[in-house]
Amino acid sequence: MASPFTAKHASVSPTTDIIRQGRSTLVTTLQMFKILGLNCLATAYVLSVMYLDGVKLGDVQATISGVFTAAFFLFISHARPLTTLSATRPHPNVFSSYVFLSLIGQFAIHLLFLISSVREAEKYMPEECIEPDSDFHPDLVNTVSYMVSMMIQVATFAVNYMAHPFNQSIPENKPFLYALLAAVGFFTLITSDLFRDLNDWLKLVPLPTGLRDRLLLWAALMFVGCYSWERLLRWAFPGKIPAWRKRQSQVAAGLDKKNI
């Protein structure tokens, strides 16, 4: 608790309410740090290493990306705590094995997906030297890099959302659920190239059929890999129980044995 408080109530329910809301705030803060870290790592690679190969984002593309990002952050920050206090404890800070391993594992999967997709797109491109400082012009590599970076962004928000036993789940957080479905539908639409006028407005070139199918398959594998890695770490590194709580449990167990 940040400071002492006075509750004029006939029970201790205000205390449990503060603990529930405090845990909700803590896990929301942790997930914000993780999401920001993963997004920054992927964006840094696109804006540094891939920039040297002439990969850029158009103005409309960057605007659409920013709108989705802002909506995701808004809706995950409005997740409500559950009405019951869980016995499970959250991780107290970002400097933990769980957070670092989660970031490293997910970024490795993102990087593999990003590099593989761009290298696959380069096979369909003619051999030419693109100056890093040249003006933006739509081509296959730019289109694939934009689609992949946005798929990574959507997967990052969905995978790292901290739900039960502290906050609402994604189906219960309706605004966030609808935003995710809208993003998935939008990027499936532009990847499948069903509306050519929309892709032209976004400065996206048509994808070859083989590349499009592989891109969607790799995106699904990327999401499954990140989701499995995150759930494995949550199981392997639960929130630590304080030492005094362990001693209290041991004393209680000893008293129970004596009574028996």
C-alpha atoms as a PDB file:
ATOM      1  CA  MET A   1       0.000   0.000   0.000  1.00  0.00           C
ATOM      2  CA  ALA A   2       1.266   3.449  -0.862  1.00  0.00           C
ATOM      3  CA  SER A   3       0.063   5.168   2.317  1.00  0.00           C
ATOM      4  CA  PRO A   4      -2.063   4.607   5.434  1.00  0.00           C
ATOM      5  CA  PHE A   5      -5.804   4.914   5.007  1.00  0.00           C
ATOM      6  CA  THR A   6      -8.938   5.012   7.129  1.00  0.00           C
ATOM      7  CA  ALA A   7     -11.969   2.915   6.207  1.00  0.00           C
ATOM      8  CA  LYS A   8     -15.196   3.412   8.145  1.00  0.00           C
ATOM      9  CA  HIS A   9     -16.679   0.031   7.427  1.00  0.00           C
ATOM     10  CA  ALA A  10     -17.999  -2.841   9.514  1.00  0.00           C
ATOM     11  CA  SER A  11     -15.742  -5.403   7.787  1.00  0.00           C
ATOM     12  CA  VAL A  12     -12.299  -5.703   6.211  1.00  0.00           C
ATOM     13  CA  SER A  13     -13.699  -5.629   2.659  1.00  0.00           C
ATOM     14  CA  PRO A  14     -12.047  -2.237   1.851  1.00  0.00           C
ATOM     15  CA  THR A  15      -8.669  -3.843   2.509  1.00  0.00           C
ATOM     16  CA  THR A  16      -9.327  -6.686   0.082  1.00  0.00           C
ATOM     17  CA  ASP A  17     -10.620  -4.178  -2.485  1.00  0.00           C
ATOM     18  CA  ILE A  18      -7.385  -2.203  -2.260  1.00  0.00           C
ATOM     19  CA  ILE A  19      -5.304  -5.376  -2.639  1.00  0.00           C
ATOM     20  CA  ARG A  20      -7.335  -6.501  -5.663  1.00  0.00           C
ATOM     21  CA  GLN A  21      -7.039  -3.123  -7.354  1.00  0.00           C
ATOM     22  CA  GLY A  22      -3.368  -2.850  -6.447  1.00  0.00           C
ATOM     23  CA  ARG A  23      -2.616  -6.242  -7.985  1.00  0.00           C
ATOM     24  CA  SER A  24      -4.554  -5.270 -11.093  1.00  0.00           C
ATOM     25  CA  THR A  25      -2.511  -2.086 -11.406  1.00  0.00           C
ATOM     26  CA  LEU A  26       0.729  -4.009 -10.882  1.00  0.00           C
ATOM     27  CA  VAL A  27       0.095  -6.647 -13.559  1.00  0.00           C
ATOM     28  CA  THR A  28      -1.137  -3.950 -15.962  1.00  0.00           C
ATOM     29  CA  THR A  29       2.109  -2.045 -15.438  1.00  0.00           C
ATOM     30  CA  LEU A  30       4.182  -5.191 -16.001  1.00  0.00           C
ATOM     31  CA  GLN A  31       2.357  -6.034 -19.208  1.00  0.00           C
ATOM     32  CA  MET A  32       2.815  -2.445 -20.419  1.00  0.00           C
ATOM     33  CA  PHE A  33       6.585  -2.719 -19.929  1.00  0.00           C
ATOM     34  CA  LYS A  34       6.709  -6.065 -21.728  1.00  0.00           C
ATOM     35  CA  ILE A  35       4.610  -4.891 -24.667  1.00  0.00           C
ATOM     36  CA  LEU A  36       6.572  -1.666 -25.017  1.00  0.00           C
ATOM     37  CA  GLY A  37       9.844  -3.588 -24.861  1.00  0.00           C
ATOM     38  CA  LEU A  38       8.843  -6.075 -27.557  1.00  0.00           C
ATOM     39  CA  ASN A  39       7.396  -3.381 -29.824  1.00  0.00           C
ATOM     40  CA  CYS A  40      10.512  -1.244 -29.428  1.00  0.00           C
ATOM     41  CA  LEU A  41      12.818  -4.169 -30.237  1.00  0.00           C
ATOM     42  CA  ALA A  42      10.920  -5.077 -33.408  1.00  0.00           C
ATOM     43  CA  THR A  43      10.634  -1.433 -34.485  1.00  0.00           C
ATOM     44  CA  ALA A  44      14.315  -0.825 -33.791  1.00  0.00           C
ATOM     45  CA  TYR A  45      15.252  -3.677 -36.107  1.00  0.00           C
ATOM     46  CA  VAL A  46      12.971  -2.361 -38.864  1.00  0.00           C
ATOM     47  CA  LEU A  47      14.246   1.215 -38.534  1.00  0.00           C
ATOM     48  CA  SER A  48      17.934   0.299 -38.313  1.00  0.00           C
ATOM     49  CA  VAL A  49      19.031  -2.931 -39.992  1.00  0.00           C
ATOM     50  CA  MET A  50      16.194  -3.133 -42.522  1.00  0.00           C
ATOM     51  CA  TYR A  51      16.369   0.603 -43.209  1.00  0.00           C
ATOM     52  CA  LEU A  52      19.804   0.042 -44.746  1.00  0.00           C
ATOM     53  CA  ASP A  53      18.125  -2.266 -47.272  1.00  0.00           C
ATOM     54  CA  GLY A  54      15.704   0.499 -48.253  1.00  0.00           C
ATOM     55  CA  VAL A  55      12.758  -0.670 -46.147  1.00  0.00           C
ATOM     56  CA  LYS A  56      10.511   2.218 -45.084  1.00  0.00           C
ATOM     57  CA  LEU A  57       6.916   2.829 -44.022  1.00  0.00           C
ATOM     58  CA  GLY A  58       4.519   5.110 -45.840  1.00  0.00           C
ATOM     59  CA  ASP A  59       2.661   7.910 -44.066  1.00  0.00           C
ATOM     60  CA  VAL A  60      -0.710   6.153 -44.253  1.00  0.00           C
ATOM     61  CA  GLN A  61       0.835   2.886 -43.078  1.00  0.00           C
ATOM     62  CA  ALA A  62       2.430   4.557 -40.060  1.00  0.00           C
ATOM     63  CA  THR A  63      -0.867   6.297 -39.237  1.00  0.00           C
ATOM     64  CA  ILE A  64      -2.851   3.044 -39.297  1.00  0.00           C
ATOM     65  CA  SER A  65      -0.214   1.377 -37.141  1.00  0.00           C
ATOM     66  CA  GLY A  66      -0.328   4.229 -34.620  1.00  0.00           C
ATOM     67  CA  VAL A  67      -4.124   4.158 -34.397  1.00  0.00           C
ATOM     68  CA  PHE A  68      -4.205   0.440 -33.608  1.00  0.00           C
ATOM     69  CA  THR A  69      -1.400   0.783 -31.066  1.00  0.00           C
ATOM     70  CA  ALA A  70      -3.133   3.651 -29.270  1.00  0.00           C
ATOM     71  CA  ALA A  71      -6.432   1.733 -29.181  1.00  0.00           C
ATOM     72  CA  PHE A  72      -4.774  -1.394 -27.779  1.00  0.00           C
ATOM     73  CA  PHE A  73      -3.003   0.504 -25.010  1.00  0.00           C
ATOM     74  CA  LEU A  74      -6.207   2.360 -24.132  1.00  0.00           C
ATOM     75  CA  PHE A  75      -8.319  -0.770 -23.829  1.00  0.00           C
ATOM     76  CA  ILE A  76      -5.831  -2.931 -21.901  1.00  0.00           C
ATOM     77  CA  SER A  77      -5.375  -0.119 -19.376  1.00  0.00           C
ATOM     78  CA  HIS A  78      -9.138  -0.171 -18.696  1.00  0.00           C
ATOM     79  CA  ALA A  79      -9.237  -3.848 -17.728  1.00  0.00           C
ATOM     80  CA  ARG A  80     -11.112  -4.289 -14.453  1.00  0.00           C
ATOM     81  CA  PRO A  81      -9.896  -6.448 -11.553  1.00  0.00           C
ATOM     82  CA  LEU A  82     -11.810  -9.591 -10.695  1.00  0.00           C
ATOM     83  CA  THR A  83     -14.301  -9.466  -7.836  1.00  0.00           C
ATOM     84  CA  THR A  84     -12.557 -12.244  -5.889  1.00  0.00           C
ATOM     85  CA  LEU A  85      -9.082 -12.040  -4.369  1.00  0.00           C
ATOM     86  CA  SER A  86      -6.835 -14.778  -5.753  1.00  0.00           C
ATOM     87  CA  ALA A  87      -4.334 -16.752  -3.686  1.00  0.00           C
ATOM     88  CA  THR A  88      -1.876 -16.421  -6.593  1.00  0.00           C
ATOM     89  CA  ARG A  89       0.580 -13.547  -6.276  1.00  0.00           C
ATOM     90  CA  PRO A  90       1.783 -11.389  -9.188  1.00  0.00           C
ATOM     91  CA  HIS A  91       5.449 -10.753  -9.919  1.00  0.00           C
ATOM     92  CA  PRO A  92       6.530  -7.733  -7.851  1.00  0.00           C
ATOM     93  CA  ASN A  93       8.689  -5.972 -10.492  1.00  0.00           C
ATOM     94  CA  VAL A  94      10.022  -6.158 -14.042  1.00  0.00           C
ATOM     95  CA  PHE A  95      13.484  -7.311 -12.924  1.00  0.00           C
ATOM     96  CA  SER A  96      12.649 -11.001 -12.745  1.00  0.00           C
ATOM     97  CA  SER A  97      13.595 -14.151 -14.622  1.00  0.00           C
ATOM     98  CA  TYR A  98      10.059 -14.486 -15.940  1.00  0.00           C
ATOM     99  CA  VAL A  99      10.030 -11.055 -17.604  1.00  0.00           C
ATOM    100  CA  PHE A 100      13.523 -11.286 -19.112  1.00  0.00           C
ATOM    101  CA  LEU A 101      13.058 -14.818 -20.456  1.00  0.00           C
ATOM    102  CA  SER A 102       9.666 -13.872 -21.855  1.00  0.00           C
ATOM    103  CA  LEU A 103      11.119 -10.863 -23.683  1.00  0.00           C
ATOM    104  CA  ILE A 104      14.092 -12.805 -25.054  1.00  0.00           C
ATOM    105  CA  GLY A 105      12.034 -15.777 -26.240  1.00  0.00           C
ATOM    106  CA  GLN A 106       9.274 -13.766 -27.879  1.00  0.00           C
ATOM    107  CA  PHE A 107      11.699 -11.373 -29.556  1.00  0.00           C
ATOM    108  CA  ALA A 108      13.646 -14.322 -30.976  1.00  0.00           C
ATOM    109  CA  ILE A 109      10.432 -15.681 -32.516  1.00  0.00           C
ATOM    110  CA  HIS A 110       9.488 -12.226 -33.835  1.00  0.00           C
ATOM    111  CA  LEU A 111      12.933 -11.712 -35.322  1.00  0.00           C
ATOM    112  CA  LEU A 112      12.886 -15.112 -37.022  1.00  0.00           C
ATOM    113  CA  PHE A 113       9.453 -14.366 -38.501  1.00  0.00           C
ATOM    114  CA  LEU A 114      10.512 -10.904 -39.661  1.00  0.00           C
ATOM    115  CA  ILE A 115      13.810 -11.949 -41.241  1.00  0.00           C
ATOM    116  CA  SER A 116      12.344 -15.057 -42.900  1.00  0.00           C
ATOM    117  CA  SER A 117       9.441 -13.104 -44.410  1.00  0.00           C
ATOM    118  CA  VAL A 118      11.609 -10.307 -45.778  1.00  0.00           C
ATOM    119  CA  ARG A 119      14.177 -12.746 -47.185  1.00  0.00           C
ATOM    120  CA  GLU A 120      11.362 -14.655 -48.874  1.00  0.00           C
ATOM    121  CA  ALA A 121      10.017 -11.424 -50.382  1.00  0.00           C
ATOM    122  CA  GLU A 122      13.463 -10.506 -51.694  1.00  0.00           C
ATOM    123  CA  LYS A 123      13.408 -13.628 -53.875  1.00  0.00           C
ATOM    124  CA  TYR A 124      10.645 -12.026 -55.942  1.00  0.00           C
ATOM    125  CA  MET A 125      12.464  -8.691 -56.243  1.00  0.00           C
ATOM    126  CA  PRO A 126      14.867  -7.747 -59.051  1.00  0.00           C
ATOM    127  CA  GLU A 127      18.518  -7.240 -58.205  1.00  0.00           C
ATOM    128  CA  GLU A 128      18.878  -3.516 -57.551  1.00  0.00           C
ATOM    129  CA  CYS A 129      20.632  -1.213 -55.128  1.00  0.00           C
ATOM    130  CA  ILE A 130      18.226   0.930 -53.080  1.00  0.00           C
ATOM    131  CA  GLU A 131      19.615   3.972 -51.348  1.00  0.00           C
ATOM    132  CA  PRO A 132      18.586   4.199 -47.663  1.00  0.00           C
ATOM    133  CA  ASP A 133      17.855   7.938 -47.992  1.00  0.00           C
ATOM    134  CA  SER A 134      15.718   7.607 -51.116  1.00  0.00           C
ATOM    135  CA  ASP A 135      12.025   8.527 -51.092  1.00  0.00           C
ATOM    136  CA  PHE A 136       9.441   5.924 -50.152  1.00  0.00           C
ATOM    137  CA  HIS A 137       8.033   3.924 -53.028  1.00  0.00           C
ATOM    138  CA  PRO A 138       5.860   0.814 -52.613  1.00  0.00           C
ATOM    139  CA  ASP A 139       7.470  -2.505 -53.419  1.00  0.00           C
ATOM    140  CA  LEU A 140       7.134  -6.096 -52.278  1.00  0.00           C
ATOM    141  CA  VAL A 141       9.724  -5.914 -49.488  1.00  0.00           C
ATOM    142  CA  ASN A 142       8.139  -2.787 -47.984  1.00  0.00           C
ATOM    143  CA  THR A 143       4.700  -4.386 -48.174  1.00  0.00           C
ATOM    144  CA  VAL A 144       5.810  -7.603 -46.473  1.00  0.00           C
ATOM    145  CA  SER A 145       7.790  -5.790 -43.771  1.00  0.00           C
ATOM    146  CA  TYR A 146       4.768  -3.613 -42.923  1.00  0.00           C
ATOM    147  CA  MET A 147       2.377  -6.564 -42.761  1.00  0.00           C
ATOM    148  CA  VAL A 148       4.764  -8.632 -40.665  1.00  0.00           C
ATOM    149  CA  SER A 149       5.532  -5.809 -38.225  1.00  0.00           C
ATOM    150  CA  MET A 150       1.811  -5.208 -37.686  1.00  0.00           C
ATOM    151  CA  MET A 151       1.129  -8.928 -37.223  1.00  0.00           C
ATOM    152  CA  ILE A 152       3.871  -8.981 -34.594  1.00  0.00           C
ATOM    153  CA  GLN A 153       2.339  -5.972 -32.881  1.00  0.00           C
ATOM    154  CA  VAL A 154      -1.133  -7.520 -32.682  1.00  0.00           C
ATOM    155  CA  ALA A 155       0.281 -10.842 -31.436  1.00  0.00           C
ATOM    156  CA  THR A 156       2.322  -9.026 -28.769  1.00  0.00           C
ATOM    157  CA  PHE A 157      -0.761  -7.388 -27.273  1.00  0.00           C
ATOM    158  CA  ALA A 158      -2.816 -10.593 -27.384  1.00  0.00           C
ATOM    159  CA  VAL A 159      -0.126 -12.866 -25.923  1.00  0.00           C
ATOM    160  CA  ASN A 160       1.082 -10.589 -23.113  1.00  0.00           C
ATOM    161  CA  TYR A 161      -2.333  -9.509 -21.858  1.00  0.00           C
ATOM    162  CA  MET A 162      -2.525 -10.408 -18.147  1.00  0.00           C
ATOM    163  CA  ALA A 163      -5.984 -11.773 -17.470  1.00  0.00           C
ATOM    164  CA  HIS A 164      -7.124 -14.210 -14.760  1.00  0.00           C
ATOM    165  CA  PRO A 165      -6.623 -14.461 -11.839  1.00  0.00           C
ATOM    166  CA  PHE A 166      -6.092 -10.685 -11.541  1.00  0.00           C
ATOM    167  CA  ASN A 167      -7.923  -8.949 -14.409  1.00  0.00           C
ATOM    168  CA  GLN A 168     -10.724  -9.595 -16.829  1.00  0.00           C
ATOM    169  CA  SER A 169     -10.006 -12.079 -19.590  1.00  0.00           C
ATOM    170  CA  ILE A 170      -9.932 -10.935 -23.213  1.00  0.00           C
ATOM    171  CA  PRO A 171     -13.544 -12.088 -23.891  1.00  0.00           C
ATOM    172  CA  GLU A 172     -14.659 -10.166 -20.784  1.00  0.00           C
ATOM    173  CA  ASN A 173     -12.778  -7.025 -21.853  1.00  0.00           C
ATOM    174  CA  LYS A 174     -15.081  -6.333 -24.796  1.00  0.00           C
ATOM    175  CA  PRO A 175     -13.402  -3.180 -26.200  1.00  0.00           C
ATOM    176  CA  PHE A 176     -10.012  -4.897 -26.313  1.00  0.00           C
ATOM    177  CA  LEU A 177     -11.550  -8.027 -27.852  1.00  0.00           C
ATOM    178  CA  TYR A 178     -13.251  -5.998 -30.583  1.00  0.00           C
ATOM    179  CA  ALA A 179     -10.042  -4.068 -31.271  1.00  0.00           C
ATOM    180  CA  LEU A 180      -8.106  -7.339 -31.648  1.00  0.00           C
ATOM    181  CA  LEU A 181     -10.746  -8.817 -33.951  1.00  0.00           C
ATOM    182  CA  ALA A 182     -10.781  -5.629 -36.021  1.00  0.00           C
ATOM    183  CA  ALA A 183      -6.992  -5.705 -36.350  1.00  0.00           C
ATOM    184  CA  VAL A 184      -6.926  -9.404 -37.280  1.00  0.00           C
ATOM    185  CA  GLY A 185      -9.703  -8.891 -39.824  1.00  0.00           C
ATOM    186  CA  PHE A 186      -8.047  -5.796 -41.283  1.00  0.00           C
ATOM    187  CA  PHE A 187      -4.639  -7.391 -41.774  1.00  0.00           C
ATOM    188  CA  THR A 188      -6.138 -10.627 -43.092  1.00  0.00           C
ATOM    189  CA  LEU A 189      -8.046  -8.477 -45.580  1.00  0.00           C
ATOM    190  CA  ILE A 190      -5.026  -6.575 -46.846  1.00  0.00           C
ATOM    191  CA  THR A 191      -2.877  -9.719 -46.934  1.00  0.00           C
ATOM    192  CA  SER A 192      -5.456 -11.593 -49.010  1.00  0.00           C
ATOM    193  CA  ASP A 193      -5.744  -8.550 -51.343  1.00  0.00           C
ATOM    194  CA  LEU A 194      -9.541  -8.813 -51.591  1.00  0.00           C
ATOM    195  CA  PHE A 195      -9.964  -5.041 -52.019  1.00  0.00           C
ATOM    196  CA  ARG A 196      -7.300  -3.725 -54.356  1.00  0.00           C
ATOM    197  CA  ASP A 197      -8.374  -0.094 -53.865  1.00  0.00           C
ATOM    198  CA  LEU A 198      -7.739  -0.362 -50.120  1.00  0.00           C
ATOM    199  CA  ASN A 199      -4.259  -1.771 -50.680  1.00  0.00           C
ATOM    200  CA  ASP A 200      -3.503   0.926 -53.240  1.00  0.00           C
ATOM    201  CA  TRP A 201      -4.505   3.575 -50.694  1.00  0.00           C
ATOM    202  CA  LEU A 202      -2.166   1.948 -48.170  1.00  0.00           C
ATOM    203  CA  LYS A 203       0.626   1.794 -50.791  1.00  0.00           C
ATOM    204  CA  LEU A 204       0.739  -2.016 -50.675  1.00  0.00           C
ATOM    205  CA  VAL A 205       1.633  -4.044 -53.746  1.00  0.00           C
ATOM    206  CA  PRO A 206      -0.011  -7.416 -54.557  1.00  0.00           C
ATOM    207  CA  LEU A 207       1.602 -10.468 -52.979  1.00  0.00           C
ATOM    208  CA  PRO A 208       2.398 -13.591 -54.999  1.00  0.00           C
ATOM    209  CA  THR A 209       0.070 -16.452 -54.069  1.00  0.00           C
ATOM    210  CA  GLY A 210       2.815 -18.651 -52.642  1.00  0.00           C
ATOM    211  CA  LEU A 211       4.259 -15.834 -50.557  1.00  0.00           C
ATOM    212  CA  ARG A 212       0.832 -14.837 -49.236  1.00  0.00           C
ATOM    213  CA  ASP A 213       0.043 -18.374 -48.093  1.00  0.00           C
ATOM    214  CA  ARG A 214       3.421 -18.759 -46.400  1.00  0.00           C
ATOM    215  CA  LEU A 215       3.041 -15.383 -44.712  1.00  0.00           C
ATOM    216  CA  LEU A 216      -0.303 -16.321 -43.163  1.00  0.00           C
ATOM    217  CA  LEU A 217       1.035 -19.725 -42.094  1.00  0.00           C
ATOM    218  CA  TRP A 218       4.151 -18.219 -40.512  1.00  0.00           C
ATOM    219  CA  ALA A 219       2.037 -15.620 -38.731  1.00  0.00           C
ATOM    220  CA  ALA A 220      -0.087 -18.368 -37.170  1.00  0.00           C
ATOM    221  CA  LEU A 221       3.037 -20.300 -36.139  1.00  0.00           C
ATOM    222  CA  MET A 222       4.555 -17.123 -34.683  1.00  0.00           C
ATOM    223  CA  PHE A 223       1.463 -16.518 -32.550  1.00  0.00           C
ATOM    224  CA  VAL A 224       1.313 -20.136 -31.354  1.00  0.00           C
ATOM    225  CA  GLY A 225       5.023 -20.090 -30.513  1.00  0.00           C
ATOM    226  CA  CYS A 226       4.831 -16.847 -28.536  1.00  0.00           C
ATOM    227  CA  TYR A 227       1.656 -17.922 -26.742  1.00  0.00           C
ATOM    228  CA  SER A 228       3.136 -21.302 -25.770  1.00  0.00           C
ATOM    229  CA  TRP A 229       6.395 -19.710 -24.572  1.00  0.00           C
ATOM    230  CA  GLU A 230       4.553 -17.127 -22.465  1.00  0.00           C
ATOM    231  CA  ARG A 231       2.246 -19.704 -20.860  1.00  0.00           C
ATOM    232  CA  LEU A 232       5.187 -22.006 -20.149  1.00  0.00           C
ATOM    233  CA  LEU A 233       7.039 -19.231 -18.320  1.00  0.00           C
ATOM    234  CA  ARG A 234       3.964 -18.233 -16.322  1.00  0.00           C
ATOM    235  CA  TRP A 235       3.717 -21.838 -15.151  1.00  0.00           C
ATOM    236  CA  ALA A 236       7.454 -22.232 -14.492  1.00  0.00           C
ATOM    237  CA  PHE A 237       7.945 -18.870 -12.727  1.00  0.00           C
ATOM    238  CA  PRO A 238       4.910 -18.115 -10.539  1.00  0.00           C
ATOM    239  CA  GLY A 239       4.845 -15.134  -8.216  1.00  0.00           C
ATOM    240  CA  LYS A 240       7.076 -15.737  -5.202  1.00  0.00           C
ATOM    241  CA  ILE A 241       5.547 -16.231  -1.765  1.00  0.00           C
ATOM    242  CA  PRO A 242       7.205 -14.029   0.912  1.00  0.00           C
ATOM    243  CA  ALA A 243       9.471 -15.789   3.420  1.00  0.00           C
ATOM    244  CA  TRP A 244       7.258 -14.833   6.356  1.00  0.00           C
ATOM    245  CA  ARG A 245       4.292 -16.416   4.615  1.00  0.00           C
ATOM    246  CA  LYS A 246       6.213 -19.655   4.093  1.00  0.00           C
ATOM    247  CA  ARG A 247       7.195 -19.755   7.766  1.00  0.00           C
ATOM    248  CA  GLN A 248       3.604 -19.093   8.745  1.00  0.00           C
ATOM    249  CA  SER A 249       2.427 -22.002   6.600  1.00  0.00           C
ATOM    250  CA  GLN A 250       5.082 -24.290   8.075  1.00  0.00           C
ATOM    251  CA  VAL A 251       4.086 -23.355  11.628  1.00  0.00           C
ATOM    252  CA  ALA A 252       0.424 -23.942  10.836  1.00  0.00           C
ATOM    253  CA  ALA A 253       1.237 -27.340   9.322  1.00  0.00           C
ATOM    254  CA  GLY A 254       3.264 -28.257  12.425  1.00  0.00           C
ATOM    255  CA  LEU A 255       0.396 -27.316  14.734  1.00  0.00           C
ATOM    256  CA  ASP A 256      -2.012 -29.407  12.693  1.00  0.00           C
ATOM    257  CA  LYS A 257       0.267 -32.435  13.034  1.00  0.00           C
ATOM    258  CA  LYS A 258       0.470 -31.973  16.818  1.00  0.00           C
ATOM    259  CA  ASN A 259      -3.304 -31.732  17.091  1.00  0.00           C
ATOM    260  CA  ILE A 260      -3.650 -34.945  15.127  1.00  0.00           C
END
